[in-house]
Amino acid sequence: MSEFWPVNDVLAHLAGRWRVERTVRDLASGEEGRFEGTTVFSPLEDGGDGLLHQESGTFVWRGTPRPAERTLRFLPGTSAGTSDVRFADGRPFHDLDLTGGHHVAEHPCVADLYRGEFTVHDQDHWRTVWRVGGPEKDLLLTTDYTRERDRSDADL
């Protein structure tokens, strides 16, 4: 069995609803937080090609739970197995190529560097690991995604 699960059409693969579990570790202090929620990949509101990524849930840091959300845009890339990922306002975030089931992307943000590793395990499970380093941040964010299926999909 392969360590990675290749994705021929990244937008078709991601479409739908995913359960999200994320740990956020501050490597400098040793503190750890946790996010639990959902991510929905749905058609773009303007009818354009691509998917709207809407994440919402609860982030617990230092024992205090807070609502948390973010929105991204996954646009078609140069081939079906790729995507151009952008922030909600259209600014570039990173590229994504899952044709081999694994991808590494980088995003410079002011003085910090975000380095993300994407791994697809099978049709219903994938993971991202972001290492954030810079003068103010020393973080490791590990997110596991599990596809949520409705009852009509349960026998697939």
Protein backbone atom coordinates (compact mmCIF):
# COMPACT_ATOMS: atom_id res chain seq x y z
CA MET A 1 0.00 0.00 0.00
CA SER A 2 1.29 3.47 -0.93
CA GLU A 3 1.98 6.09 1.72
CA PHE A 4 0.16 8.70 -0.43
CA TRP A 5 -3.14 8.57 -2.29
CA PRO A 6 -2.90 10.39 -5.67
CA VAL A 7 -5.70 12.81 -6.55
CA ASN A 8 -6.55 13.26 -10.23
CA ASP A 9 -9.07 16.09 -9.72
CA VAL A 10 -8.36 18.12 -6.58
CA LEU A 11 -11.53 20.23 -6.67
CA ALA A 12 -13.80 17.20 -7.14
CA HIS A 13 -11.94 15.39 -4.36
CA LEU A 14 -12.28 18.24 -1.84
CA ALA A 15 -15.92 19.12 -2.60
CA GLY A 16 -18.22 18.45 0.34
CA ARG A 17 -18.08 18.58 4.12
CA TRP A 18 -15.11 17.57 6.27
CA ARG A 19 -14.67 17.15 10.03
CA VAL A 20 -11.58 19.08 11.16
CA GLU A 21 -9.32 18.45 14.16
CA ARG A 22 -6.27 20.71 14.56
CA THR A 23 -3.58 21.00 17.18
CA VAL A 24 -1.61 24.22 17.47
CA ARG A 25 1.68 23.94 19.32
CA ASP A 26 3.76 26.94 20.30
CA LEU A 27 7.22 25.41 20.04
CA ALA A 28 8.81 28.23 22.04
CA SER A 29 6.53 27.98 25.10
CA GLY A 30 5.33 24.38 24.78
CA GLU A 31 1.70 25.49 25.01
CA GLU A 32 -0.86 23.65 22.91
CA GLY A 33 -4.29 24.60 21.66
CA ARG A 34 -6.96 22.66 19.80
CA PHE A 35 -9.48 23.49 17.08
CA GLU A 36 -12.49 21.28 16.29
CA GLY A 37 -15.05 22.07 13.64
CA THR A 38 -15.99 21.59 10.03
CA THR A 39 -14.78 22.70 6.64
CA VAL A 40 -17.22 22.90 3.74
CA PHE A 41 -15.92 23.09 0.17
CA SER A 42 -18.81 24.45 -1.92
CA PRO A 43 -19.18 26.12 -5.32
CA LEU A 44 -18.02 29.73 -5.45
CA GLU A 45 -20.81 32.20 -4.73
CA ASP A 46 -20.13 34.11 -7.97
CA GLY A 47 -20.62 30.96 -10.04
CA GLY A 48 -16.99 30.90 -11.14
CA ASP A 49 -14.82 27.81 -11.35
CA GLY A 50 -13.40 26.66 -8.05
CA LEU A 51 -14.50 26.06 -4.48
CA LEU A 52 -15.17 28.23 -1.46
CA HIS A 53 -13.50 26.75 1.64
CA GLN A 54 -15.40 27.78 4.78
CA GLU A 55 -14.07 26.55 8.10
CA SER A 56 -15.82 27.11 11.41
CA GLY A 57 -15.57 25.66 14.88
CA THR A 58 -14.15 26.22 18.33
CA PHE A 59 -10.52 26.98 19.18
CA VAL A 60 -9.40 26.32 22.75
CA TRP A 61 -6.24 28.12 23.87
CA ARG A 62 -5.09 28.26 27.50
CA GLY A 63 -8.37 26.67 28.54
CA THR A 64 -10.53 29.34 26.92
CA PRO A 65 -12.82 28.27 24.05
CA ARG A 66 -13.48 30.81 21.28
CA PRO A 67 -15.38 30.61 18.00
CA ALA A 68 -13.03 30.55 15.02
CA GLU A 69 -13.53 30.63 11.27
CA ARG A 70 -11.71 31.28 8.02
CA THR A 71 -12.53 31.37 4.34
CA LEU A 72 -10.29 30.48 1.41
CA ARG A 73 -10.82 30.16 -2.32
CA PHE A 74 -9.56 27.05 -4.15
CA LEU A 75 -9.32 27.96 -7.83
CA PRO A 76 -8.46 25.64 -10.73
CA GLY A 77 -4.73 25.17 -11.23
CA THR A 78 -2.82 24.31 -14.37
CA SER A 79 -4.25 20.76 -14.39
CA ALA A 80 -7.15 18.97 -12.69
CA GLY A 81 -4.89 17.67 -9.90
CA THR A 82 -3.78 21.19 -8.94
CA SER A 83 -5.30 24.27 -7.36
CA ASP A 84 -4.41 27.92 -6.82
CA VAL A 85 -5.33 28.62 -3.18
CA ARG A 86 -6.20 32.20 -2.30
CA PHE A 87 -7.35 34.11 0.75
CA ALA A 88 -10.99 35.23 0.83
CA ASP A 89 -10.01 38.67 -0.52
CA GLY A 90 -8.25 37.13 -3.54
CA ARG A 91 -4.62 37.50 -2.40
CA PRO A 92 -2.43 34.48 -3.28
CA PHE A 93 -1.83 31.98 -0.48
CA HIS A 94 -0.15 28.91 -2.02
CA ASP A 95 -0.23 26.41 -4.85
CA LEU A 96 -1.49 22.86 -4.35
CA ASP A 97 -0.60 19.80 -6.43
CA LEU A 98 -2.07 16.54 -5.13
CA THR A 99 -1.44 14.42 -8.24
CA GLY A 100 1.09 12.42 -6.21
CA GLY A 101 -0.95 12.57 -2.97
CA HIS A 102 1.66 14.78 -1.31
CA HIS A 103 2.66 18.43 -1.72
CA VAL A 104 4.82 21.02 0.04
CA ALA A 105 3.96 24.72 -0.26
CA GLU A 106 5.42 27.90 1.20
CA HIS A 107 3.86 31.25 1.99
CA PRO A 108 5.94 34.23 3.16
CA CYS A 109 3.92 36.47 5.49
CA VAL A 110 5.70 39.68 6.52
CA ALA A 111 8.71 38.35 8.47
CA ASP A 112 7.29 34.85 8.99
CA LEU A 113 7.46 31.83 6.69
CA TYR A 114 4.63 29.33 6.53
CA ARG A 115 5.68 25.92 5.16
CA GLY A 116 2.79 23.52 4.57
CA GLU A 117 2.88 19.80 3.89
CA PHE A 118 -0.27 18.23 2.43
CA THR A 119 -0.78 14.47 2.55
CA VAL A 120 -3.78 12.57 1.19
CA HIS A 121 -4.23 9.18 2.89
CA ASP A 122 -7.33 7.95 1.02
CA GLN A 123 -10.56 9.32 -0.42
CA ASP A 124 -11.86 10.30 3.02
CA HIS A 125 -8.74 11.39 4.96
CA TRP A 126 -6.05 14.00 4.45
CA ARG A 127 -3.70 16.04 6.63
CA THR A 128 -1.93 19.37 6.57
CA VAL A 129 1.08 20.25 8.70
CA TRP A 130 2.07 23.92 8.74
CA ARG A 131 5.36 24.98 10.31
CA VAL A 132 5.36 28.71 11.00
CA GLY A 133 8.65 30.35 11.83
CA GLY A 134 9.77 33.93 12.22
CA PRO A 135 10.73 36.54 14.76
CA GLU A 136 7.33 36.44 16.50
CA LYS A 137 6.10 32.91 15.74
CA ASP A 138 7.36 29.38 16.26
CA LEU A 139 4.31 27.22 15.65
CA LEU A 140 3.34 23.76 14.41
CA LEU A 141 -0.25 23.36 13.19
CA THR A 142 -1.39 19.81 12.40
CA THR A 143 -4.85 19.39 10.88
CA ASP A 144 -6.65 16.14 10.14
CA TYR A 145 -9.61 16.15 7.77
CA THR A 146 -12.21 13.35 7.67
CA ARG A 147 -14.95 13.42 5.05
CA GLU A 148 -18.46 13.59 6.50
CA ARG A 149 -20.90 11.42 4.61
CA ASP A 150 -24.66 11.67 4.77
CA ARG A 151 -26.79 8.54 5.11
CA SER A 152 -27.15 8.13 1.35
CA ASP A 153 -23.33 7.90 1.09
CA ALA A 154 -22.92 5.46 3.99
CA ASP A 155 -22.89 2.36 1.82
CA LEU A 156 -20.33 3.69 -0.70
